[in-house]
Amino acid sequence: MNPTSSFYVRVLLVFGMFSFMAGSCKKETPAPEIPFTYVNFSLNPNGTQYLSLNGVGGWETVTGGYKGILIYRKSINEFMAYERACPYDPLVSGAQIRVDKSAITCTCPICASKFIITDGSPYAGPSHYPLKQYTTVYDGAMLYISN
C-alpha cells in the first residue's frame, strides 16, 4: 500500500467515525401519546351489518378506541384495524382520520397528514408516525379486534 492510499484510508475511517457518532447522538422524537382505551370486541365482516367489509378493499369505521376505529379488509383473510386519532397530535379536537374517496388513503382534516390504508404508514403532511394499529384475528367467520 503506498502512502497516498494509506492517507485516504485514514481519512475515510475518521470521516466514517464522525458520521457514525453524529448519527448515534441524534434522538428521535417519540410519537405523541394516544390515550389508552381498552379495545376488545368482535364482529361479523361478512354479514349485512358491515356490507362494506364483505369485499377486499372495503372499509368501515366503528366506535371504540380513543377516537374510533377504522377497519380495512386487506385480503380475503386479512384485516387491518387502526385508531382514528391522528398520530401527529391526537389530543387536538377533530384530529380524526377519514378515508379519502380513493379508499386507498386516509387524511387528518386538521394537520393534513395522509396515510396509506393498507399498512397505516404516513406519506404526506407533518406526521412521521404511522397510524396506531390494533390486533386483528379472523377465524373465517368472526373478526376479533383488541389491544
N, C-alpha and C. Protein backbone atom coordinates (compact mmCIF):
# COMPACT_ATOMS: atom_id res chain seq x y z
N MET A 1 0.85 -1.17 0.00
CA MET A 1 0.00 0.00 0.00
C MET A 1 0.90 1.23 0.00
N ASN A 2 0.67 2.14 -0.93
CA ASN A 2 1.52 3.33 -0.99
C ASN A 2 1.03 4.36 0.03
N PRO A 3 1.85 5.37 0.36
CA PRO A 3 1.50 6.36 1.38
C PRO A 3 0.22 7.13 1.06
N THR A 4 -0.05 7.41 -0.20
CA THR A 4 -1.25 8.16 -0.57
C THR A 4 -2.50 7.34 -0.28
N SER A 5 -2.49 6.05 -0.59
CA SER A 5 -3.62 5.17 -0.31
C SER A 5 -3.88 5.07 1.18
N SER A 6 -2.81 4.97 1.95
CA SER A 6 -2.92 4.87 3.40
C SER A 6 -3.57 6.14 3.97
N PHE A 7 -3.20 7.30 3.42
CA PHE A 7 -3.78 8.57 3.86
C PHE A 7 -5.29 8.59 3.61
N TYR A 8 -5.69 8.17 2.42
CA TYR A 8 -7.12 8.18 2.07
C TYR A 8 -7.91 7.21 2.94
N VAL A 9 -7.32 6.06 3.25
CA VAL A 9 -7.99 5.09 4.12
C VAL A 9 -8.20 5.69 5.50
N ARG A 10 -7.19 6.39 6.04
CA ARG A 10 -7.32 7.03 7.36
C ARG A 10 -8.38 8.12 7.34
N VAL A 11 -8.39 8.93 6.28
CA VAL A 11 -9.39 10.00 6.17
C VAL A 11 -10.79 9.41 6.13
N LEU A 12 -10.96 8.34 5.35
CA LEU A 12 -12.28 7.71 5.28
C LEU A 12 -12.70 7.11 6.62
N LEU A 13 -11.75 6.51 7.33
CA LEU A 13 -12.06 5.95 8.64
C LEU A 13 -12.47 7.04 9.63
N VAL A 14 -11.73 8.12 9.66
CA VAL A 14 -12.06 9.23 10.57
C VAL A 14 -13.41 9.83 10.20
N PHE A 15 -13.64 10.06 8.92
CA PHE A 15 -14.92 10.61 8.47
C PHE A 15 -16.07 9.67 8.83
N GLY A 16 -15.85 8.38 8.65
CA GLY A 16 -16.87 7.38 8.99
C GLY A 16 -17.17 7.37 10.47
N MET A 17 -16.14 7.49 11.32
CA MET A 17 -16.35 7.53 12.77
C MET A 17 -17.16 8.75 13.17
N PHE A 18 -16.81 9.91 12.62
CA PHE A 18 -17.56 11.13 12.95
C PHE A 18 -19.00 11.04 12.46
N SER A 19 -19.21 10.49 11.29
CA SER A 19 -20.57 10.33 10.76
C SER A 19 -21.38 9.41 11.67
N PHE A 20 -20.76 8.32 12.09
CA PHE A 20 -21.46 7.37 12.96
C PHE A 20 -21.79 8.02 14.30
N MET A 21 -20.83 8.74 14.88
CA MET A 21 -21.06 9.38 16.18
C MET A 21 -22.14 10.45 16.06
N ALA A 22 -22.12 11.23 15.01
CA ALA A 22 -23.12 12.27 14.84
C ALA A 22 -24.51 11.66 14.68
N GLY A 23 -24.62 10.57 13.95
CA GLY A 23 -25.90 9.90 13.76
C GLY A 23 -26.40 9.22 15.02
N SER A 24 -25.48 8.69 15.83
CA SER A 24 -25.90 7.98 17.03
C SER A 24 -26.32 8.93 18.14
N CYS A 25 -25.90 10.18 18.08
CA CYS A 25 -26.29 11.15 19.10
C CYS A 25 -27.65 11.76 18.80
N LYS A 26 -28.11 11.61 17.59
CA LYS A 26 -29.38 12.19 17.19
C LYS A 26 -30.52 11.39 17.82
N LYS A 27 -31.41 12.06 18.52
CA LYS A 27 -32.52 11.38 19.17
C LYS A 27 -33.79 11.57 18.36
N GLU A 28 -34.52 10.47 18.21
CA GLU A 28 -35.82 10.53 17.54
C GLU A 28 -36.83 11.11 18.51
N THR A 29 -37.68 11.96 18.02
CA THR A 29 -38.76 12.47 18.83
C THR A 29 -39.81 11.38 18.95
N PRO A 30 -40.20 11.02 20.17
CA PRO A 30 -41.20 9.96 20.31
C PRO A 30 -42.56 10.42 19.77
N ALA A 31 -43.33 9.46 19.32
CA ALA A 31 -44.67 9.76 18.82
C ALA A 31 -45.52 10.29 19.97
N PRO A 32 -46.37 11.26 19.69
CA PRO A 32 -47.28 11.75 20.74
C PRO A 32 -48.12 10.59 21.28
N GLU A 33 -48.36 10.62 22.56
CA GLU A 33 -49.08 9.53 23.21
C GLU A 33 -50.59 9.61 22.95
N ILE A 34 -51.12 8.56 22.35
CA ILE A 34 -52.57 8.45 22.19
C ILE A 34 -53.09 7.81 23.47
N PRO A 35 -54.03 8.46 24.15
CA PRO A 35 -54.53 7.89 25.41
C PRO A 35 -55.02 6.46 25.24
N PHE A 36 -54.63 5.61 26.17
CA PHE A 36 -55.01 4.21 26.11
C PHE A 36 -56.50 4.06 26.37
N THR A 37 -57.15 3.29 25.54
CA THR A 37 -58.54 2.91 25.72
C THR A 37 -58.62 1.42 25.44
N TYR A 38 -59.19 0.69 26.35
CA TYR A 38 -59.30 -0.76 26.21
C TYR A 38 -60.17 -1.12 25.01
N VAL A 39 -59.66 -2.02 24.17
CA VAL A 39 -60.38 -2.46 22.98
C VAL A 39 -60.41 -3.98 22.98
N ASN A 40 -61.60 -4.55 22.88
CA ASN A 40 -61.75 -6.00 22.80
C ASN A 40 -63.18 -6.30 22.36
N PHE A 41 -63.37 -6.49 21.06
CA PHE A 41 -64.70 -6.78 20.55
C PHE A 41 -64.59 -7.63 19.29
N SER A 42 -65.73 -8.13 18.84
CA SER A 42 -65.75 -8.94 17.62
C SER A 42 -66.92 -8.49 16.76
N LEU A 43 -66.83 -8.79 15.47
CA LEU A 43 -67.91 -8.51 14.53
C LEU A 43 -67.84 -9.49 13.39
N ASN A 44 -68.95 -9.60 12.68
CA ASN A 44 -69.02 -10.48 11.52
C ASN A 44 -68.82 -9.62 10.27
N PRO A 45 -67.62 -9.68 9.65
CA PRO A 45 -67.35 -8.82 8.49
C PRO A 45 -68.06 -9.29 7.21
N ASN A 46 -68.70 -10.44 7.25
CA ASN A 46 -69.40 -10.96 6.07
C ASN A 46 -70.91 -10.82 6.18
N GLY A 47 -71.36 -10.25 7.28
CA GLY A 47 -72.80 -10.10 7.49
C GLY A 47 -73.35 -8.84 6.85
N THR A 48 -74.62 -8.61 7.07
CA THR A 48 -75.28 -7.45 6.46
C THR A 48 -75.05 -6.15 7.23
N GLN A 49 -74.62 -6.23 8.48
CA GLN A 49 -74.38 -5.02 9.26
C GLN A 49 -73.15 -4.25 8.76
N TYR A 50 -72.19 -4.97 8.20
CA TYR A 50 -70.95 -4.35 7.71
C TYR A 50 -70.74 -4.71 6.24
N LEU A 51 -71.67 -4.34 5.40
CA LEU A 51 -71.61 -4.69 3.97
C LEU A 51 -70.32 -4.25 3.30
N SER A 52 -69.79 -3.08 3.69
CA SER A 52 -68.58 -2.59 3.03
C SER A 52 -67.36 -3.46 3.33
N LEU A 53 -67.42 -4.28 4.37
CA LEU A 53 -66.31 -5.18 4.69
C LEU A 53 -66.44 -6.53 3.98
N ASN A 54 -67.53 -6.74 3.26
CA ASN A 54 -67.75 -8.03 2.60
C ASN A 54 -66.71 -8.32 1.52
N GLY A 55 -66.15 -7.29 0.90
CA GLY A 55 -65.19 -7.49 -0.18
C GLY A 55 -63.82 -6.92 0.16
N VAL A 56 -62.81 -7.47 -0.50
CA VAL A 56 -61.43 -6.97 -0.33
C VAL A 56 -61.38 -5.50 -0.74
N GLY A 57 -60.70 -4.69 0.06
CA GLY A 57 -60.60 -3.26 -0.20
C GLY A 57 -61.69 -2.45 0.49
N GLY A 58 -62.62 -3.14 1.12
CA GLY A 58 -63.69 -2.45 1.83
C GLY A 58 -63.22 -1.95 3.19
N TRP A 59 -63.90 -0.93 3.68
CA TRP A 59 -63.54 -0.37 4.98
C TRP A 59 -64.79 0.08 5.72
N GLU A 60 -64.63 0.22 7.02
CA GLU A 60 -65.75 0.62 7.88
C GLU A 60 -65.17 1.31 9.10
N THR A 61 -65.87 2.31 9.62
CA THR A 61 -65.47 2.92 10.89
C THR A 61 -66.47 2.47 11.95
N VAL A 62 -65.95 2.17 13.13
CA VAL A 62 -66.79 1.74 14.24
C VAL A 62 -66.38 2.52 15.49
N THR A 63 -67.26 2.53 16.46
CA THR A 63 -66.92 3.17 17.73
C THR A 63 -65.95 2.27 18.48
N GLY A 64 -65.20 2.88 19.38
CA GLY A 64 -64.21 2.15 20.16
C GLY A 64 -62.88 2.86 20.08
N GLY A 65 -61.94 2.41 20.85
CA GLY A 65 -60.65 3.08 20.87
C GLY A 65 -60.78 4.47 21.47
N TYR A 66 -59.85 5.35 21.13
CA TYR A 66 -59.87 6.71 21.66
C TYR A 66 -60.79 7.62 20.85
N LYS A 67 -60.66 7.59 19.52
CA LYS A 67 -61.49 8.43 18.64
C LYS A 67 -62.19 7.62 17.56
N GLY A 68 -62.33 6.33 17.79
CA GLY A 68 -62.95 5.46 16.81
C GLY A 68 -61.93 4.54 16.18
N ILE A 69 -62.42 3.55 15.46
CA ILE A 69 -61.55 2.55 14.83
C ILE A 69 -61.92 2.42 13.36
N LEU A 70 -60.91 2.39 12.52
CA LEU A 70 -61.06 2.17 11.09
C LEU A 70 -60.66 0.73 10.81
N ILE A 71 -61.57 -0.04 10.20
CA ILE A 71 -61.29 -1.43 9.84
C ILE A 71 -61.20 -1.50 8.33
N TYR A 72 -60.15 -2.14 7.83
CA TYR A 72 -59.91 -2.27 6.39
C TYR A 72 -59.69 -3.74 6.06
N ARG A 73 -60.36 -4.21 5.01
CA ARG A 73 -60.18 -5.60 4.58
C ARG A 73 -59.08 -5.63 3.52
N LYS A 74 -57.92 -6.11 3.93
CA LYS A 74 -56.74 -6.12 3.08
C LYS A 74 -56.75 -7.29 2.09
N SER A 75 -57.27 -8.42 2.50
CA SER A 75 -57.40 -9.59 1.63
C SER A 75 -58.57 -10.42 2.15
N ILE A 76 -58.82 -11.55 1.55
CA ILE A 76 -59.94 -12.39 1.98
C ILE A 76 -59.85 -12.71 3.47
N ASN A 77 -58.63 -12.99 3.95
CA ASN A 77 -58.45 -13.42 5.34
C ASN A 77 -57.65 -12.45 6.20
N GLU A 78 -57.39 -11.25 5.71
CA GLU A 78 -56.56 -10.31 6.48
C GLU A 78 -57.26 -8.97 6.62
N PHE A 79 -57.31 -8.49 7.85
CA PHE A 79 -57.92 -7.21 8.17
C PHE A 79 -56.91 -6.34 8.91
N MET A 80 -57.06 -5.03 8.73
CA MET A 80 -56.26 -4.06 9.48
C MET A 80 -57.24 -3.24 10.31
N ALA A 81 -56.86 -2.89 11.53
CA ALA A 81 -57.69 -2.04 12.38
C ALA A 81 -56.80 -0.94 12.94
N TYR A 82 -57.20 0.30 12.72
CA TYR A 82 -56.41 1.47 13.12
C TYR A 82 -57.21 2.38 14.05
N GLU A 83 -56.50 2.97 14.97
CA GLU A 83 -57.07 4.05 15.78
C GLU A 83 -57.28 5.24 14.86
N ARG A 84 -58.43 5.91 14.97
CA ARG A 84 -58.70 7.05 14.09
C ARG A 84 -58.07 8.35 14.58
N ALA A 85 -57.55 8.38 15.80
CA ALA A 85 -56.86 9.58 16.29
C ALA A 85 -55.60 9.78 15.47
N CYS A 86 -55.39 10.98 14.95
CA CYS A 86 -54.19 11.27 14.16
C CYS A 86 -52.95 11.15 15.06
N PRO A 87 -51.96 10.38 14.65
CA PRO A 87 -50.78 10.21 15.49
C PRO A 87 -49.91 11.46 15.60
N TYR A 88 -50.13 12.45 14.74
CA TYR A 88 -49.33 13.68 14.80
C TYR A 88 -49.66 14.49 16.05
N ASP A 89 -50.92 14.67 16.33
CA ASP A 89 -51.36 15.40 17.52
C ASP A 89 -52.73 14.87 17.92
N PRO A 90 -52.76 13.71 18.57
CA PRO A 90 -54.02 13.02 18.83
C PRO A 90 -54.97 13.73 19.79
N LEU A 91 -54.46 14.64 20.59
CA LEU A 91 -55.31 15.30 21.58
C LEU A 91 -56.10 16.47 21.02
N VAL A 92 -55.76 16.93 19.83
CA VAL A 92 -56.45 18.06 19.21
C VAL A 92 -57.87 17.64 18.81
N SER A 93 -58.82 18.46 19.15
CA SER A 93 -60.21 18.19 18.77
C SER A 93 -60.33 18.14 17.25
N GLY A 94 -60.99 17.13 16.74
CA GLY A 94 -61.19 16.99 15.30
C GLY A 94 -60.07 16.28 14.57
N ALA A 95 -58.97 15.96 15.25
CA ALA A 95 -57.85 15.26 14.61
C ALA A 95 -58.17 13.78 14.52
N GLN A 96 -59.08 13.45 13.62
CA GLN A 96 -59.60 12.10 13.46
C GLN A 96 -59.52 11.74 11.98
N ILE A 97 -58.75 10.72 11.64
CA ILE A 97 -58.55 10.38 10.23
C ILE A 97 -59.86 9.99 9.56
N ARG A 98 -59.91 10.31 8.26
CA ARG A 98 -61.06 9.99 7.43
C ARG A 98 -60.56 9.36 6.14
N VAL A 99 -61.27 8.36 5.68
CA VAL A 99 -60.89 7.68 4.44
C VAL A 99 -61.19 8.59 3.26
N ASP A 100 -60.22 8.71 2.35
CA ASP A 100 -60.38 9.53 1.15
C ASP A 100 -61.25 8.82 0.12
N LYS A 101 -61.71 9.56 -0.87
CA LYS A 101 -62.57 8.99 -1.92
C LYS A 101 -61.92 7.82 -2.63
N SER A 102 -60.60 7.85 -2.73
CA SER A 102 -59.88 6.76 -3.40
C SER A 102 -59.99 5.44 -2.64
N ALA A 103 -60.27 5.50 -1.34
CA ALA A 103 -60.31 4.34 -0.43
C ALA A 103 -58.96 3.64 -0.34
N ILE A 104 -57.91 4.36 -0.73
CA ILE A 104 -56.55 3.82 -0.63
C ILE A 104 -55.76 4.60 0.43
N THR A 105 -56.20 5.81 0.69
CA THR A 105 -55.53 6.67 1.66
C THR A 105 -56.54 7.24 2.64
N CYS A 106 -56.03 7.75 3.74
CA CYS A 106 -56.87 8.46 4.70
C CYS A 106 -56.12 9.71 5.14
N THR A 107 -56.87 10.72 5.57
CA THR A 107 -56.31 12.04 5.85
C THR A 107 -56.84 12.58 7.17
N CYS A 108 -56.00 13.31 7.87
CA CYS A 108 -56.43 14.05 9.05
C CYS A 108 -56.87 15.43 8.58
N PRO A 109 -58.10 15.85 8.87
CA PRO A 109 -58.58 17.15 8.40
C PRO A 109 -57.93 18.33 9.11
N ILE A 110 -57.28 18.10 10.23
CA ILE A 110 -56.66 19.19 10.99
C ILE A 110 -55.25 19.49 10.51
N CYS A 111 -54.38 18.48 10.47
CA CYS A 111 -52.98 18.72 10.09
C CYS A 111 -52.67 18.34 8.64
N ALA A 112 -53.62 17.71 7.96
CA ALA A 112 -53.50 17.29 6.55
C ALA A 112 -52.49 16.16 6.34
N SER A 113 -52.14 15.43 7.40
CA SER A 113 -51.29 14.25 7.23
C SER A 113 -52.08 13.19 6.48
N LYS A 114 -51.39 12.46 5.60
CA LYS A 114 -52.01 11.41 4.80
C LYS A 114 -51.34 10.08 5.11
N PHE A 115 -52.16 9.03 5.12
CA PHE A 115 -51.69 7.70 5.47
C PHE A 115 -52.18 6.69 4.45
N ILE A 116 -51.39 5.65 4.22
CA ILE A 116 -51.77 4.57 3.31
C ILE A 116 -52.61 3.58 4.11
N ILE A 117 -53.78 3.27 3.61
CA ILE A 117 -54.74 2.46 4.37
C ILE A 117 -54.31 1.00 4.51
N THR A 118 -53.48 0.49 3.61
CA THR A 118 -53.09 -0.92 3.67
C THR A 118 -52.13 -1.24 4.81
N ASP A 119 -51.34 -0.24 5.25
CA ASP A 119 -50.40 -0.50 6.35
C ASP A 119 -50.32 0.63 7.38
N GLY A 120 -51.04 1.73 7.16
CA GLY A 120 -51.06 2.83 8.13
C GLY A 120 -49.88 3.76 8.08
N SER A 121 -48.99 3.58 7.10
CA SER A 121 -47.78 4.41 7.05
C SER A 121 -48.09 5.81 6.51
N PRO A 122 -47.39 6.83 7.05
CA PRO A 122 -47.60 8.20 6.57
C PRO A 122 -46.88 8.41 5.25
N TYR A 123 -47.46 9.25 4.38
CA TYR A 123 -46.75 9.56 3.13
C TYR A 123 -46.80 11.03 2.77
N ALA A 124 -47.56 11.84 3.48
CA ALA A 124 -47.60 13.28 3.21
C ALA A 124 -48.06 13.98 4.47
N GLY A 125 -47.70 15.26 4.58
CA GLY A 125 -48.10 16.05 5.75
C GLY A 125 -47.04 15.99 6.83
N PRO A 126 -47.33 16.60 7.95
CA PRO A 126 -46.31 16.71 9.00
C PRO A 126 -46.07 15.44 9.82
N SER A 127 -47.00 14.48 9.81
CA SER A 127 -46.81 13.29 10.63
C SER A 127 -45.76 12.36 10.04
N HIS A 128 -44.85 11.95 10.91
CA HIS A 128 -43.84 10.95 10.54
C HIS A 128 -44.17 9.62 11.21
N TYR A 129 -45.31 9.58 11.90
CA TYR A 129 -45.70 8.41 12.67
C TYR A 129 -46.82 7.67 11.96
N PRO A 130 -46.80 6.34 11.99
CA PRO A 130 -47.89 5.56 11.37
C PRO A 130 -49.14 5.60 12.26
N LEU A 131 -50.24 5.18 11.68
CA LEU A 131 -51.46 5.05 12.46
C LEU A 131 -51.28 3.95 13.50
N LYS A 132 -51.87 4.15 14.66
CA LYS A 132 -51.81 3.13 15.71
C LYS A 132 -52.66 1.94 15.27
N GLN A 133 -52.08 0.75 15.34
CA GLN A 133 -52.78 -0.47 14.91
C GLN A 133 -53.29 -1.25 16.11
N TYR A 134 -54.43 -1.87 15.90
CA TYR A 134 -54.96 -2.82 16.87
C TYR A 134 -54.74 -4.22 16.31
N THR A 135 -54.72 -5.20 17.20
CA THR A 135 -54.55 -6.59 16.79
C THR A 135 -55.87 -7.10 16.19
N THR A 136 -55.75 -7.78 15.06
CA THR A 136 -56.92 -8.38 14.43
C THR A 136 -56.69 -9.88 14.27
N VAL A 137 -57.72 -10.66 14.54
CA VAL A 137 -57.70 -12.11 14.33
C VAL A 137 -59.00 -12.46 13.64
N TYR A 138 -58.87 -13.12 12.49
CA TYR A 138 -60.05 -13.52 11.73
C TYR A 138 -60.08 -15.03 11.64
N ASP A 139 -61.17 -15.64 12.09
CA ASP A 139 -61.27 -17.10 12.10
C ASP A 139 -62.09 -17.66 10.93
N GLY A 140 -62.37 -16.82 9.96
CA GLY A 140 -63.16 -17.24 8.81
C GLY A 140 -64.62 -16.87 8.93
N ALA A 141 -65.04 -16.54 10.14
CA ALA A 141 -66.43 -16.13 10.37
C ALA A 141 -66.48 -14.82 11.15
N MET A 142 -65.72 -14.74 12.23
CA MET A 142 -65.73 -13.55 13.09
C MET A 142 -64.37 -12.87 13.07
N LEU A 143 -64.40 -11.55 13.16
CA LEU A 143 -63.19 -10.74 13.25
C LEU A 143 -63.08 -10.24 14.68
N TYR A 144 -61.95 -10.50 15.33
CA TYR A 144 -61.70 -10.08 16.69
C TYR A 144 -60.68 -8.95 16.67
N ILE A 145 -61.00 -7.88 17.35
CA ILE A 145 -60.13 -6.69 17.39
C ILE A 145 -59.82 -6.39 18.85
N SER A 146 -58.55 -6.20 19.16
CA SER A 146 -58.14 -5.95 20.55
C SER A 146 -56.81 -5.20 20.60
N ASN A 147 -56.48 -4.79 21.81
CA ASN A 147 -55.15 -4.19 22.04
C ASN A 147 -54.45 -4.90 23.16
